[in-house]
Structure formats: C-alpha cells, structure tokens
Amino acid sequence: MLDIQAIHKTFNAGTVNEKAALRGVSLHLDEGDFVTVIGGNGAGKSTLLNTVAGTYFPDEGSITIGGVDVTRLPEHKRAKYIGRVFQDPMTGTAATMQIEENLALAKRRGSRRTLRRGITRAEREEYRELLKILDLGLEDRLTAKVGLLSGGQRQALTLLMASLVKPKLLLLDEHTAALDPKTAAKVLEATEKIVQRDHLTTLMITHNMRDAIDHGNRLIMMYEGQIALDISGEEKKKLTVEDLLAKFGQVTGSSEADDKLLLG
C-alpha cells in the first residue's frame, strides 16, 4: 500500500544551515500494516511523514501509494489517497461549523459537489453511530459547534473525519502529543478501534516509547535521517521499554535517550 524507495531530503543545501533530514530511506507497508515510528528530535520522523503527504518533495527516490506513483504529485492532489491527523487539535476541523457539518464535509471529500440537500436524515443517523465509537458523548451533540469542544474531543473527531472515506493510507502525526495523558489514552483507544475495524494502513509518528510498543504490528526507530530499527511480529509483542532503550543505545552509541522518548 505504501512503497518508499531510497528517498533523500536535504534542507538549506549548500549553506551553513544544511541539514540532511532523510538519507536514503526505504520503507514498504502492506495493506493493513499499522506502523509506529519513533526517534529523538531531528531523527527525520516528521520529514518522512511530510514527504509522504506531499508537503515536501524528496530530492531523490520515489513514493508509491496503492500502486500510484505520487513522488511529484502536489499535496492537494495526493490528499485523495491520504487521511491525516495533525498534532494540533485545532487543525483538521472547522471551528465555526457543527459536528455533523464537519463530518459531511469529510464524507464528500473527493466527490463532486451538487445542490442537493446538505445533510440527509440517513447521514445524520450514520454520523450518530460513527461517533459512538469514540465514547465521548458526541453522538448526542451533532449540532454543537466544533469550536466549543475540548482539544481531545476535536482530535477524536478529526480522526473520525480522516478515516470516514477509507483512505489508502492514514497518517498520524503525533496526534496525542498535545493532549493530557487521560485524553491521549482515550484517543489512542479510538485510533486502535478505527484502524482495526477498517483495516487501515497506518503510519503513526510518536515520541512515546510505550505508545509505540503498545500499538501497531510494527515499530520503526529513526536516527539521523535513516531507519535504524524495524521490529515486528513476535519480537515486537515481547518488546519492553527497557529493551527499546537498550536498542536505542546500541544504535546511537549513547545510553541517554531523548527526554521526550522517556517522558512523552
């Protein structure tokens, strides 16, 4: 579903601020893979996600989603293949519109707009059922303005919107980092339910070692613009935070992990 071949990305090339963010990264995701990506600051996680999303074009290499070469496809044209949830809960929803209006917009993504009625009774019932999976009581607040919701509620709604029209690839960009631990756990629980229910191919960036271990069927650790570890199957199921810290030390040559990896 996702095939990345030897992509490179350098920022500010030829200047004193030159930074090689990605150095020959190759990655293959089968349909239904749920991959968590972890690494310290500057490891290349966000650049990888942004390059897949089309925010940046790679300097070299190729990116294929669902068999379509999207390497030079601009972000807005690539969006029909991708669902994305950002770190900031305020991104991804329209604050002045109602919950049901936001969901209606998400459902019509990639479709031709017509002058027919905005939201039908059948759609309203569909949205009510979909919202129940979040377990946040939003199914009884369809006409509430999204701007009145908490950060966690908005992030959970954004997650639902990103997966409403099943994307070929779901990108989660540290989507719980701005939430308190209790709310973050709730959003991650909803994430797991939606990904498993719809068999979504998912790439989740996180700073939290425990979350990276507990979720998904595969864990990738990045370091200095490369994939340093790729753990799946039984090895991932048995993995502990202590194991991951030890592997991090082996890769980096340091026993001191980034604070965010330890405390995120």
C-alpha atoms as a PDB file:
ATOM      1  CA  MET A   1       0.000   0.000   0.000  1.00  0.00           C
ATOM      2  CA  LEU A   2       2.973   2.300   0.645  1.00  0.00           C
ATOM      3  CA  ASP A   3       6.327   1.858  -1.053  1.00  0.00           C
ATOM      4  CA  ILE A   4       9.170   4.295  -0.371  1.00  0.00           C
ATOM      5  CA  GLN A   5      12.369   3.781  -2.312  1.00  0.00           C
ATOM      6  CA  ALA A   6      15.649   5.412  -1.262  1.00  0.00           C
ATOM      7  CA  ILE A   7      14.316   8.910  -0.579  1.00  0.00           C
ATOM      8  CA  HIS A   8      16.666  11.746   0.337  1.00  0.00           C
ATOM      9  CA  LYS A   9      15.714  15.188   1.627  1.00  0.00           C
ATOM     10  CA  THR A  10      18.150  17.982   2.475  1.00  0.00           C
ATOM     11  CA  PHE A  11      17.125  21.408   3.723  1.00  0.00           C
ATOM     12  CA  ASN A  12      19.147  24.585   3.042  1.00  0.00           C
ATOM     13  CA  ALA A  13      21.547  22.728   0.746  1.00  0.00           C
ATOM     14  CA  GLY A  14      24.841  24.471   0.128  1.00  0.00           C
ATOM     15  CA  THR A  15      24.551  26.769   3.141  1.00  0.00           C
ATOM     16  CA  VAL A  16      25.951  26.694   6.666  1.00  0.00           C
ATOM     17  CA  ASN A  17      22.487  25.555   7.801  1.00  0.00           C
ATOM     18  CA  GLU A  18      22.441  22.492   5.549  1.00  0.00           C
ATOM     19  CA  LYS A  19      20.574  19.601   7.162  1.00  0.00           C
ATOM     20  CA  ALA A  20      20.234  16.124   5.689  1.00  0.00           C
ATOM     21  CA  ALA A  21      16.838  15.164   7.125  1.00  0.00           C
ATOM     22  CA  LEU A  22      16.368  11.914   5.179  1.00  0.00           C
ATOM     23  CA  ARG A  23      19.268   9.822   3.932  1.00  0.00           C
ATOM     24  CA  GLY A  24      18.196   7.013   1.624  1.00  0.00           C
ATOM     25  CA  VAL A  25      15.068   5.880   3.486  1.00  0.00           C
ATOM     26  CA  SER A  26      13.284   2.839   2.057  1.00  0.00           C
ATOM     27  CA  LEU A  27      10.081   1.502   3.586  1.00  0.00           C
ATOM     28  CA  HIS A  28       7.345  -0.910   2.471  1.00  0.00           C
ATOM     29  CA  LEU A  29       3.911  -1.177   4.110  1.00  0.00           C
ATOM     30  CA  ASP A  30       1.489  -3.947   3.185  1.00  0.00           C
ATOM     31  CA  GLU A  31      -2.244  -3.302   3.262  1.00  0.00           C
ATOM     32  CA  GLY A  32      -3.441  -3.207   6.889  1.00  0.00           C
ATOM     33  CA  ASP A  33       0.005  -2.608   8.405  1.00  0.00           C
ATOM     34  CA  PHE A  34      -0.081  -0.321  11.460  1.00  0.00           C
ATOM     35  CA  VAL A  35       3.447   1.037  11.843  1.00  0.00           C
ATOM     36  CA  THR A  36       4.579   3.220  14.729  1.00  0.00           C
ATOM     37  CA  VAL A  37       7.585   5.474  14.114  1.00  0.00           C
ATOM     38  CA  ILE A  38       9.750   6.672  16.980  1.00  0.00           C
ATOM     39  CA  GLY A  39      13.008   8.589  17.311  1.00  0.00           C
ATOM     40  CA  GLY A  40      14.648  11.545  19.047  1.00  0.00           C
ATOM     41  CA  ASN A  41      14.437  15.165  17.984  1.00  0.00           C
ATOM     42  CA  GLY A  42      15.807  15.651  14.458  1.00  0.00           C
ATOM     43  CA  ALA A  43      15.687  11.932  13.649  1.00  0.00           C
ATOM     44  CA  GLY A  44      13.632  12.539  10.498  1.00  0.00           C
ATOM     45  CA  LYS A  45      10.196  11.295  11.624  1.00  0.00           C
ATOM     46  CA  SER A  46       8.196  14.404  10.708  1.00  0.00           C
ATOM     47  CA  THR A  47      10.130  14.929   7.478  1.00  0.00           C
ATOM     48  CA  LEU A  48       9.316  11.359   6.454  1.00  0.00           C
ATOM     49  CA  LEU A  49       5.613  11.906   7.149  1.00  0.00           C
ATOM     50  CA  ASN A  50       5.543  15.273   5.378  1.00  0.00           C
ATOM     51  CA  THR A  51       7.325  13.813   2.351  1.00  0.00           C
ATOM     52  CA  VAL A  52       4.762  11.005   2.127  1.00  0.00           C
ATOM     53  CA  ALA A  53       1.936  13.560   2.497  1.00  0.00           C
ATOM     54  CA  GLY A  54       3.349  15.784  -0.243  1.00  0.00           C
ATOM     55  CA  THR A  55       4.250  18.759   1.955  1.00  0.00           C
ATOM     56  CA  TYR A  56       7.820  18.262   0.716  1.00  0.00           C
ATOM     57  CA  PHE A  57       9.103  16.594  -2.436  1.00  0.00           C
ATOM     58  CA  PRO A  58      12.083  14.262  -1.990  1.00  0.00           C
ATOM     59  CA  ASP A  59      15.375  15.295  -3.623  1.00  0.00           C
ATOM     60  CA  GLU A  60      15.845  11.707  -4.775  1.00  0.00           C
ATOM     61  CA  GLY A  61      13.883   8.456  -4.646  1.00  0.00           C
ATOM     62  CA  SER A  62      10.230   7.548  -5.175  1.00  0.00           C
ATOM     63  CA  ILE A  63       6.960   7.187  -3.234  1.00  0.00           C
ATOM     64  CA  THR A  64       4.089   4.955  -4.344  1.00  0.00           C
ATOM     65  CA  ILE A  65       0.684   4.758  -2.623  1.00  0.00           C
ATOM     66  CA  GLY A  66      -1.677   1.968  -3.629  1.00  0.00           C
ATOM     67  CA  GLY A  67       0.287   1.388  -6.811  1.00  0.00           C
ATOM     68  CA  VAL A  68       0.185   5.082  -7.834  1.00  0.00           C
ATOM     69  CA  ASP A  69       3.468   6.987  -8.130  1.00  0.00           C
ATOM     70  CA  VAL A  70       2.866  10.168  -6.104  1.00  0.00           C
ATOM     71  CA  THR A  71       6.502  11.302  -5.865  1.00  0.00           C
ATOM     72  CA  ARG A  72       5.848  14.591  -7.703  1.00  0.00           C
ATOM     73  CA  LEU A  73       2.145  14.867  -7.006  1.00  0.00           C
ATOM     74  CA  PRO A  74       1.289  18.075  -5.087  1.00  0.00           C
ATOM     75  CA  GLU A  75      -0.226  17.816  -1.615  1.00  0.00           C
ATOM     76  CA  HIS A  76      -3.799  18.681  -2.622  1.00  0.00           C
ATOM     77  CA  LYS A  77      -3.845  16.027  -5.368  1.00  0.00           C
ATOM     78  CA  ARG A  78      -2.285  13.433  -3.071  1.00  0.00           C
ATOM     79  CA  ALA A  79      -4.968  14.091  -0.435  1.00  0.00           C
ATOM     80  CA  LYS A  80      -7.479  11.746  -2.078  1.00  0.00           C
ATOM     81  CA  TYR A  81      -5.253   8.819  -1.123  1.00  0.00           C
ATOM     82  CA  ILE A  82      -4.403  10.016   2.381  1.00  0.00           C
ATOM     83  CA  GLY A  83      -6.174  10.701   5.677  1.00  0.00           C
ATOM     84  CA  ARG A  84      -4.138  12.771   8.125  1.00  0.00           C
ATOM     85  CA  VAL A  85      -4.404  13.835  11.762  1.00  0.00           C
ATOM     86  CA  PHE A  86      -2.041  16.582  12.905  1.00  0.00           C
ATOM     87  CA  GLN A  87      -0.501  17.231  16.315  1.00  0.00           C
ATOM     88  CA  ASP A  88      -2.515  20.415  16.864  1.00  0.00           C
ATOM     89  CA  PRO A  89      -6.162  19.580  17.787  1.00  0.00           C
ATOM     90  CA  MET A  90      -7.230  22.892  16.231  1.00  0.00           C
ATOM     91  CA  THR A  91      -6.095  21.694  12.802  1.00  0.00           C
ATOM     92  CA  GLY A  92      -8.338  19.454  10.715  1.00  0.00           C
ATOM     93  CA  THR A  93     -11.765  20.744  11.762  1.00  0.00           C
ATOM     94  CA  ALA A  94     -13.790  23.888  11.020  1.00  0.00           C
ATOM     95  CA  ALA A  95     -14.426  25.529  14.403  1.00  0.00           C
ATOM     96  CA  THR A  96     -17.436  27.612  13.351  1.00  0.00           C
ATOM     97  CA  MET A  97     -19.288  24.658  11.825  1.00  0.00           C
ATOM     98  CA  GLN A  98     -21.327  21.989  13.564  1.00  0.00           C
ATOM     99  CA  ILE A  99     -20.060  18.462  14.258  1.00  0.00           C
ATOM    100  CA  GLU A 100     -22.398  16.986  11.637  1.00  0.00           C
ATOM    101  CA  GLU A 101     -21.330  19.628   9.077  1.00  0.00           C
ATOM    102  CA  ASN A 102     -17.659  18.754   9.616  1.00  0.00           C
ATOM    103  CA  LEU A 103     -18.449  15.065   9.131  1.00  0.00           C
ATOM    104  CA  ALA A 104     -20.461  15.848   5.990  1.00  0.00           C
ATOM    105  CA  LEU A 105     -17.504  17.741   4.521  1.00  0.00           C
ATOM    106  CA  ALA A 106     -15.219  14.798   5.262  1.00  0.00           C
ATOM    107  CA  LYS A 107     -17.665  12.337   3.687  1.00  0.00           C
ATOM    108  CA  ARG A 108     -17.811  14.370   0.476  1.00  0.00           C
ATOM    109  CA  ARG A 109     -14.029  14.561   0.121  1.00  0.00           C
ATOM    110  CA  GLY A 110     -13.071  13.700  -3.441  1.00  0.00           C
ATOM    111  CA  SER A 111     -16.704  13.740  -4.664  1.00  0.00           C
ATOM    112  CA  ARG A 112     -18.427  16.227  -6.949  1.00  0.00           C
ATOM    113  CA  ARG A 113     -20.455  18.863  -5.085  1.00  0.00           C
ATOM    114  CA  THR A 114     -24.108  19.272  -6.024  1.00  0.00           C
ATOM    115  CA  LEU A 115     -27.002  21.495  -4.969  1.00  0.00           C
ATOM    116  CA  ARG A 116     -28.796  18.680  -3.183  1.00  0.00           C
ATOM    117  CA  ARG A 117     -29.769  18.901   0.462  1.00  0.00           C
ATOM    118  CA  GLY A 118     -26.816  19.376   2.807  1.00  0.00           C
ATOM    119  CA  ILE A 119     -27.251  16.544   5.312  1.00  0.00           C
ATOM    120  CA  THR A 120     -29.906  13.853   4.963  1.00  0.00           C
ATOM    121  CA  ARG A 121     -31.638  12.092   7.838  1.00  0.00           C
ATOM    122  CA  ALA A 122     -29.876   8.839   6.892  1.00  0.00           C
ATOM    123  CA  GLU A 123     -26.481  10.569   7.014  1.00  0.00           C
ATOM    124  CA  ARG A 124     -27.308  12.078  10.401  1.00  0.00           C
ATOM    125  CA  GLU A 125     -28.034   8.599  11.763  1.00  0.00           C
ATOM    126  CA  GLU A 126     -24.832   7.301  10.206  1.00  0.00           C
ATOM    127  CA  TYR A 127     -22.809  10.043  11.905  1.00  0.00           C
ATOM    128  CA  ARG A 128     -24.502   9.327  15.224  1.00  0.00           C
ATOM    129  CA  GLU A 129     -23.477   5.664  15.016  1.00  0.00           C
ATOM    130  CA  LEU A 130     -19.926   6.539  13.954  1.00  0.00           C
ATOM    131  CA  LEU A 131     -19.474   8.939  16.855  1.00  0.00           C
ATOM    132  CA  LYS A 132     -20.416   6.248  19.367  1.00  0.00           C
ATOM    133  CA  ILE A 133     -17.098   4.508  18.757  1.00  0.00           C
ATOM    134  CA  LEU A 134     -15.319   7.498  20.335  1.00  0.00           C
ATOM    135  CA  ASP A 135     -17.219   7.050  23.610  1.00  0.00           C
ATOM    136  CA  LEU A 136     -17.207  10.812  24.225  1.00  0.00           C
ATOM    137  CA  GLY A 137     -20.937  11.531  24.069  1.00  0.00           C
ATOM    138  CA  LEU A 138     -20.608  13.457  20.801  1.00  0.00           C
ATOM    139  CA  GLU A 139     -23.359  11.407  19.177  1.00  0.00           C
ATOM    140  CA  ASP A 140     -25.838  13.481  21.194  1.00  0.00           C
ATOM    141  CA  ARG A 141     -24.255  16.804  20.173  1.00  0.00           C
ATOM    142  CA  LEU A 142     -24.413  16.692  16.375  1.00  0.00           C
ATOM    143  CA  THR A 143     -25.414  20.346  16.072  1.00  0.00           C
ATOM    144  CA  ALA A 144     -22.802  21.665  18.539  1.00  0.00           C
ATOM    145  CA  LYS A 145     -20.165  23.998  17.096  1.00  0.00           C
ATOM    146  CA  VAL A 146     -16.778  22.252  16.938  1.00  0.00           C
ATOM    147  CA  GLY A 147     -15.089  25.316  18.451  1.00  0.00           C
ATOM    148  CA  LEU A 148     -16.880  24.536  21.726  1.00  0.00           C
ATOM    149  CA  LEU A 149     -15.297  21.077  22.027  1.00  0.00           C
ATOM    150  CA  SER A 150     -12.247  20.250  24.118  1.00  0.00           C
ATOM    151  CA  GLY A 151      -8.908  19.545  22.445  1.00  0.00           C
ATOM    152  CA  GLY A 152      -9.330  15.802  22.937  1.00  0.00           C
ATOM    153  CA  GLN A 153     -12.849  15.818  21.510  1.00  0.00           C
ATOM    154  CA  ARG A 154     -11.678  17.773  18.455  1.00  0.00           C
ATOM    155  CA  GLN A 155      -8.757  15.418  17.915  1.00  0.00           C
ATOM    156  CA  ALA A 156     -11.027  12.370  18.154  1.00  0.00           C
ATOM    157  CA  LEU A 157     -13.436  13.997  15.679  1.00  0.00           C
ATOM    158  CA  THR A 158     -10.533  14.762  13.310  1.00  0.00           C
ATOM    159  CA  LEU A 159      -9.508  11.096  13.500  1.00  0.00           C
ATOM    160  CA  LEU A 160     -13.023  10.052  12.560  1.00  0.00           C
ATOM    161  CA  MET A 161     -13.100  12.554   9.679  1.00  0.00           C
ATOM    162  CA  ALA A 162      -9.713  11.393   8.350  1.00  0.00           C
ATOM    163  CA  SER A 163     -10.941   7.801   8.153  1.00  0.00           C
ATOM    164  CA  LEU A 164     -14.571   8.416   7.121  1.00  0.00           C
ATOM    165  CA  VAL A 165     -13.840   7.898   3.430  1.00  0.00           C
ATOM    166  CA  LYS A 166     -11.448   4.991   3.801  1.00  0.00           C
ATOM    167  CA  PRO A 167      -8.027   6.334   2.782  1.00  0.00           C
ATOM    168  CA  LYS A 168      -5.365   4.164   1.239  1.00  0.00           C
ATOM    169  CA  LEU A 169      -3.030   5.486   3.936  1.00  0.00           C
ATOM    170  CA  LEU A 170      -3.719   7.049   7.348  1.00  0.00           C
ATOM    171  CA  LEU A 171      -1.001   9.383   8.688  1.00  0.00           C
ATOM    172  CA  LEU A 172      -0.996  10.193  12.413  1.00  0.00           C
ATOM    173  CA  ASP A 173       1.444  12.997  13.190  1.00  0.00           C
ATOM    174  CA  GLU A 174       1.973  12.807  16.968  1.00  0.00           C
ATOM    175  CA  HIS A 175      -1.790  13.184  17.201  1.00  0.00           C
ATOM    176  CA  THR A 176      -1.914  12.772  21.001  1.00  0.00           C
ATOM    177  CA  ALA A 177       1.146  14.853  21.906  1.00  0.00           C
ATOM    178  CA  ALA A 178      -0.855  17.986  22.810  1.00  0.00           C
ATOM    179  CA  LEU A 179      -3.369  16.107  24.988  1.00  0.00           C
ATOM    180  CA  ASP A 180      -3.321  15.263  28.681  1.00  0.00           C
ATOM    181  CA  PRO A 181      -2.484  11.576  29.442  1.00  0.00           C
ATOM    182  CA  LYS A 182      -6.086  10.504  30.148  1.00  0.00           C
ATOM    183  CA  THR A 183      -7.446  12.100  26.965  1.00  0.00           C
ATOM    184  CA  ALA A 184      -4.493  10.836  24.920  1.00  0.00           C
ATOM    185  CA  ALA A 185      -5.235   7.279  26.059  1.00  0.00           C
ATOM    186  CA  LYS A 186      -8.869   7.692  25.009  1.00  0.00           C
ATOM    187  CA  VAL A 187      -7.897   8.980  21.545  1.00  0.00           C
ATOM    188  CA  LEU A 188      -5.386   6.133  21.106  1.00  0.00           C
ATOM    189  CA  GLU A 189      -8.068   3.628  22.068  1.00  0.00           C
ATOM    190  CA  ALA A 190     -10.364   5.100  19.419  1.00  0.00           C
ATOM    191  CA  THR A 191      -7.483   5.027  16.930  1.00  0.00           C
ATOM    192  CA  GLU A 192      -6.943   1.316  17.527  1.00  0.00           C
ATOM    193  CA  LYS A 193     -10.670   0.572  17.089  1.00  0.00           C
ATOM    194  CA  ILE A 194     -10.965   2.516  13.831  1.00  0.00           C
ATOM    195  CA  VAL A 195      -7.740   1.150  12.324  1.00  0.00           C
ATOM    196  CA  GLN A 196      -8.694  -2.445  13.153  1.00  0.00           C
ATOM    197  CA  ARG A 197     -12.338  -2.051  12.088  1.00  0.00           C
ATOM    198  CA  ASP A 198     -11.492  -0.607   8.667  1.00  0.00           C
ATOM    199  CA  HIS A 199      -8.195  -2.491   8.198  1.00  0.00           C
ATOM    200  CA  LEU A 200      -6.442   0.822   7.552  1.00  0.00           C
ATOM    201  CA  THR A 201      -2.810   1.009   6.504  1.00  0.00           C
ATOM    202  CA  THR A 202      -1.407   3.410   9.102  1.00  0.00           C
ATOM    203  CA  LEU A 203       1.805   5.282   9.837  1.00  0.00           C
ATOM    204  CA  MET A 204       1.849   6.792  13.352  1.00  0.00           C
ATOM    205  CA  ILE A 205       4.610   9.138  14.494  1.00  0.00           C
ATOM    206  CA  THR A 206       5.068   9.255  18.260  1.00  0.00           C
ATOM    207  CA  HIS A 207       7.591  10.412  20.854  1.00  0.00           C
ATOM    208  CA  ASN A 208       6.228   7.979  23.405  1.00  0.00           C
ATOM    209  CA  MET A 209       8.043   4.640  23.662  1.00  0.00           C
ATOM    210  CA  ARG A 210       5.177   2.945  25.497  1.00  0.00           C
ATOM    211  CA  ASP A 211       2.639   4.016  22.842  1.00  0.00           C
ATOM    212  CA  ALA A 212       4.977   2.854  20.067  1.00  0.00           C
ATOM    213  CA  ILE A 213       5.226  -0.571  21.695  1.00  0.00           C
ATOM    214  CA  ASP A 214       1.557  -0.961  22.640  1.00  0.00           C
ATOM    215  CA  HIS A 215       0.073  -0.045  19.266  1.00  0.00           C
ATOM    216  CA  GLY A 216       0.508  -1.404  15.763  1.00  0.00           C
ATOM    217  CA  ASN A 217       2.053  -4.571  14.384  1.00  0.00           C
ATOM    218  CA  ARG A 218       5.411  -2.998  13.550  1.00  0.00           C
ATOM    219  CA  LEU A 219       7.756  -0.451  15.141  1.00  0.00           C
ATOM    220  CA  ILE A 220      10.366   1.635  13.346  1.00  0.00           C
ATOM    221  CA  MET A 221      13.029   3.719  15.051  1.00  0.00           C
ATOM    222  CA  MET A 222      14.678   6.529  13.098  1.00  0.00           C
ATOM    223  CA  TYR A 223      18.058   8.057  13.789  1.00  0.00           C
ATOM    224  CA  GLU A 224      19.890  10.762  11.826  1.00  0.00           C
ATOM    225  CA  GLY A 225      17.599  10.507   8.813  1.00  0.00           C
ATOM    226  CA  GLN A 226      17.672   6.724   8.484  1.00  0.00           C
ATOM    227  CA  ILE A 227      15.680   3.737   9.711  1.00  0.00           C
ATOM    228  CA  ALA A 228      17.823   2.301  12.479  1.00  0.00           C
ATOM    229  CA  LEU A 229      15.446  -0.392  13.764  1.00  0.00           C
ATOM    230  CA  ASP A 230      12.500  -2.250  12.230  1.00  0.00           C
ATOM    231  CA  ILE A 231      10.754  -4.570  14.698  1.00  0.00           C
ATOM    232  CA  SER A 232       7.653  -6.663  14.023  1.00  0.00           C
ATOM    233  CA  GLY A 233       5.967  -9.969  14.774  1.00  0.00           C
ATOM    234  CA  GLU A 234       6.770 -11.843  17.982  1.00  0.00           C
ATOM    235  CA  GLU A 235       9.773  -9.617  18.665  1.00  0.00           C
ATOM    236  CA  LYS A 236       7.517  -6.567  18.895  1.00  0.00           C
ATOM    237  CA  LYS A 237       4.921  -8.354  21.027  1.00  0.00           C
ATOM    238  CA  LYS A 238       7.605  -9.192  23.609  1.00  0.00           C
ATOM    239  CA  LEU A 239       9.288  -5.781  23.450  1.00  0.00           C
ATOM    240  CA  THR A 240       9.596  -3.698  26.634  1.00  0.00           C
ATOM    241  CA  VAL A 241      10.589  -0.065  27.149  1.00  0.00           C
ATOM    242  CA  GLU A 242      13.862  -1.313  28.664  1.00  0.00           C
ATOM    243  CA  ASP A 243      14.550  -3.397  25.526  1.00  0.00           C
ATOM    244  CA  LEU A 244      13.842  -0.413  23.316  1.00  0.00           C
ATOM    245  CA  LEU A 245      16.113   1.850  25.386  1.00  0.00           C
ATOM    246  CA  ALA A 246      18.890  -0.722  25.093  1.00  0.00           C
ATOM    247  CA  LYS A 247      18.422  -0.928  21.331  1.00  0.00           C
ATOM    248  CA  PHE A 248      18.389   2.867  21.139  1.00  0.00           C
ATOM    249  CA  GLY A 249      21.725   2.897  22.975  1.00  0.00           C
ATOM    250  CA  GLN A 250      23.200   0.338  20.584  1.00  0.00           C
ATOM    251  CA  VAL A 251      22.122   2.364  17.562  1.00  0.00           C
ATOM    252  CA  THR A 252      23.166   5.795  18.836  1.00  0.00           C
ATOM    253  CA  GLY A 253      26.177   4.782  20.900  1.00  0.00           C
ATOM    254  CA  SER A 254      24.666   6.616  23.863  1.00  0.00           C
ATOM    255  CA  SER A 255      22.808   5.416  26.944  1.00  0.00           C
ATOM    256  CA  GLU A 256      20.946   8.721  27.229  1.00  0.00           C
ATOM    257  CA  ALA A 257      17.701   8.738  25.304  1.00  0.00           C
ATOM    258  CA  ASP A 258      15.940  11.948  24.355  1.00  0.00           C
ATOM    259  CA  ASP A 259      13.799  13.224  27.264  1.00  0.00           C
ATOM    260  CA  LYS A 260      10.655  13.073  25.141  1.00  0.00           C
ATOM    261  CA  LEU A 261      11.251   9.379  24.423  1.00  0.00           C
ATOM    262  CA  LEU A 262      11.438   8.689  28.137  1.00  0.00           C
ATOM    263  CA  LEU A 263       8.741  11.019  29.395  1.00  0.00           C
ATOM    264  CA  GLY A 264       6.481  11.630  26.390  1.00  0.00           C
END
